[in-house]
Amino acid sequence: MATVTRKVARKGTKTQGPSVEQIAEQAVVYLTLQKQIKVLTDKADEVKKDLKSSIEVVGYESEGNQFFDLPEEFNGVKGLKREARTTTSLNVEKTEGFTRAKGLWVPVIDGGVVETVEQIDQDALLARHHEGKISEKELDSLFTSKTIYALVPVRA
């Protein structure tokens, strides 16, 4: 059995560290726990996916979300909510084509050694809308929305 000797803050004193066997034992425990966490996380994700589908079918809707009430409270939770979360983003390819066709694509030219990266300035796009150069309908068509659903516990 090997032991590790290390110095401590006080000059001239030494103390015994954990043995190689103790470190190896801790490593095995750690790796075992990491594997169990992965297995449990994968299973929880699978169950969550099934729950979201089930709540969509049998739950009731309120304020754009779907709910399922548990028959009895569990750990302070009285039900589950399938919560809609929508993100809106600019469709860059569509916007570039649109702004080029409208004559609004005006890249900045840099005469120095710095590389210019062309990107759409959303504030400038909105400014052109406010100036009347882009209609509300045209502006709306440049954005795409994506809705995902989160499973959220409803506390009692």
Protein backbone atom coordinates (compact mmCIF):
# COMPACT_ATOMS: atom_id res chain seq x y z
CA MET A 1 0.00 0.00 0.00
CA ALA A 2 1.56 3.28 -1.16
CA THR A 3 1.13 6.52 0.72
CA VAL A 4 1.61 10.08 -0.45
CA THR A 5 3.53 12.56 1.67
CA ARG A 6 2.80 16.26 1.27
CA LYS A 7 3.96 19.41 2.96
CA VAL A 8 1.58 21.53 5.00
CA ALA A 9 1.72 25.20 5.88
CA ARG A 10 3.92 24.77 8.99
CA LYS A 11 7.55 24.46 8.14
CA GLY A 12 9.09 21.11 8.87
CA THR A 13 5.85 19.13 9.40
CA LYS A 14 4.53 16.45 7.06
CA THR A 15 1.20 14.68 6.91
CA GLN A 16 -0.09 11.53 5.24
CA GLY A 17 -2.38 12.01 2.23
CA PRO A 18 -4.88 9.49 0.93
CA SER A 19 -3.44 6.27 -0.40
CA VAL A 20 -3.55 5.28 -4.05
CA GLU A 21 -6.15 2.65 -3.13
CA GLN A 22 -8.34 5.29 -1.42
CA ILE A 23 -8.14 7.57 -4.46
CA ALA A 24 -8.92 4.65 -6.77
CA GLU A 25 -11.93 3.74 -4.62
CA GLN A 26 -13.20 7.34 -4.76
CA ALA A 27 -12.68 7.37 -8.53
CA VAL A 28 -14.76 4.22 -8.92
CA VAL A 29 -17.56 5.70 -6.79
CA TYR A 30 -17.44 8.93 -8.81
CA LEU A 31 -17.50 7.14 -12.17
CA THR A 32 -20.33 4.86 -11.03
CA LEU A 33 -22.38 7.87 -9.91
CA GLN A 34 -21.71 9.66 -13.23
CA LYS A 35 -22.98 6.60 -15.14
CA GLN A 36 -26.09 6.38 -12.94
CA ILE A 37 -26.77 10.10 -13.48
CA LYS A 38 -26.62 9.60 -17.26
CA VAL A 39 -28.95 6.58 -17.12
CA LEU A 40 -31.42 8.46 -14.88
CA THR A 41 -31.24 11.62 -17.01
CA ASP A 42 -31.92 9.64 -20.20
CA LYS A 43 -34.88 7.90 -18.54
CA ALA A 44 -36.23 11.21 -17.18
CA ASP A 45 -36.01 12.75 -20.67
CA GLU A 46 -37.90 9.79 -22.14
CA VAL A 47 -40.64 10.01 -19.48
CA LYS A 48 -40.84 13.82 -19.91
CA LYS A 49 -41.34 13.42 -23.67
CA ASP A 50 -44.14 10.89 -23.07
CA LEU A 51 -45.74 13.14 -20.44
CA LYS A 52 -45.74 16.15 -22.75
CA SER A 53 -47.49 14.10 -25.45
CA SER A 54 -50.03 12.72 -22.96
CA ILE A 55 -50.80 16.14 -21.48
CA GLU A 56 -51.31 17.52 -24.99
CA VAL A 57 -54.00 14.86 -25.54
CA VAL A 58 -55.76 14.65 -22.16
CA GLY A 59 -54.84 17.91 -20.41
CA TYR A 60 -56.93 21.07 -20.35
CA GLU A 61 -55.89 24.37 -21.89
CA SER A 62 -55.55 27.71 -20.16
CA GLU A 63 -53.74 30.85 -21.36
CA GLY A 64 -52.01 29.01 -24.23
CA ASN A 65 -50.62 26.26 -21.99
CA GLN A 66 -51.90 22.78 -21.21
CA PHE A 67 -52.37 21.44 -17.70
CA PHE A 68 -52.79 18.10 -16.01
CA ASP A 69 -53.90 17.91 -12.37
CA LEU A 70 -52.50 15.04 -10.34
CA PRO A 71 -55.14 12.98 -8.51
CA GLU A 72 -53.29 13.81 -5.29
CA GLU A 73 -50.44 16.13 -4.40
CA PHE A 74 -46.93 14.67 -4.62
CA ASN A 75 -43.92 16.38 -2.98
CA GLY A 76 -45.68 19.75 -2.99
CA VAL A 77 -46.72 19.44 -6.65
CA LYS A 78 -50.39 19.42 -7.58
CA GLY A 79 -50.02 19.06 -11.36
CA LEU A 80 -47.96 19.56 -14.48
CA LYS A 81 -48.01 22.30 -17.06
CA ARG A 82 -46.99 21.88 -20.70
CA GLU A 83 -45.78 25.44 -21.10
CA ALA A 84 -45.51 27.02 -24.55
CA ARG A 85 -42.29 28.99 -25.11
CA THR A 86 -42.05 30.87 -28.38
CA THR A 87 -38.93 32.45 -29.81
CA THR A 88 -38.86 34.73 -32.82
CA SER A 89 -35.79 35.16 -34.97
CA LEU A 90 -34.86 36.97 -38.13
CA ASN A 91 -34.60 34.77 -41.22
CA VAL A 92 -31.24 36.09 -42.41
CA GLU A 93 -31.27 34.59 -45.94
CA LYS A 94 -34.79 35.81 -46.66
CA THR A 95 -34.01 39.24 -45.20
CA GLU A 96 -30.84 39.61 -47.27
CA GLY A 97 -32.71 38.80 -50.49
CA PHE A 98 -35.54 41.14 -49.53
CA THR A 99 -33.28 44.08 -48.59
CA ARG A 100 -31.18 43.63 -51.75
CA ALA A 101 -34.36 43.65 -53.89
CA LYS A 102 -35.56 46.82 -52.12
CA GLY A 103 -32.18 48.50 -52.57
CA LEU A 104 -31.64 48.65 -48.81
CA TRP A 105 -28.59 46.35 -48.68
CA VAL A 106 -25.75 48.80 -48.24
CA PRO A 107 -22.63 47.10 -46.92
CA VAL A 108 -20.08 49.10 -44.98
CA ILE A 109 -16.77 49.37 -46.81
CA ASP A 110 -13.63 49.29 -44.68
CA GLY A 111 -10.39 50.44 -46.28
CA GLY A 112 -8.18 49.14 -43.48
CA VAL A 113 -6.89 45.74 -42.54
CA VAL A 114 -9.98 44.75 -40.59
CA GLU A 115 -12.25 42.17 -42.24
CA THR A 116 -15.79 43.38 -42.62
CA VAL A 117 -18.44 40.86 -41.68
CA GLU A 118 -21.78 41.55 -43.28
CA GLN A 119 -24.73 41.10 -40.99
CA ILE A 120 -28.21 42.49 -40.84
CA ASP A 121 -28.77 45.30 -38.37
CA GLN A 122 -32.25 44.64 -36.97
CA ASP A 123 -32.47 48.17 -35.56
CA ALA A 124 -31.80 49.61 -39.02
CA LEU A 125 -34.38 47.22 -40.48
CA LEU A 126 -36.96 48.51 -37.99
CA ALA A 127 -35.93 52.09 -38.76
CA ARG A 128 -36.64 51.48 -42.48
CA HIS A 129 -40.05 50.15 -41.44
CA HIS A 130 -40.76 53.31 -39.44
CA GLU A 131 -39.65 55.39 -42.45
CA GLY A 132 -42.25 53.57 -44.56
CA LYS A 133 -39.72 51.76 -46.75
CA ILE A 134 -40.80 48.36 -45.39
CA SER A 135 -44.45 47.53 -44.72
CA GLU A 136 -45.68 45.76 -41.58
CA LYS A 137 -46.57 42.70 -43.66
CA GLU A 138 -43.12 42.63 -45.27
CA LEU A 139 -41.40 43.03 -41.91
CA ASP A 140 -43.45 40.24 -40.33
CA SER A 141 -42.57 37.93 -43.22
CA LEU A 142 -38.85 38.27 -42.39
CA PHE A 143 -39.23 36.72 -38.94
CA THR A 144 -39.90 33.11 -38.07
CA SER A 145 -41.37 31.85 -34.83
CA LYS A 146 -40.68 28.53 -33.16
CA THR A 147 -42.65 27.16 -30.23
CA ILE A 148 -41.24 24.55 -27.89
CA TYR A 149 -42.94 23.11 -24.83
CA ALA A 150 -41.44 22.80 -21.37
CA LEU A 151 -42.79 20.52 -18.67
CA VAL A 152 -43.20 22.58 -15.51
CA PRO A 153 -44.42 21.36 -12.11
CA VAL A 154 -47.39 23.28 -10.69
CA ARG A 155 -46.74 23.85 -7.00
CA ALA A 156 -49.54 23.37 -4.50
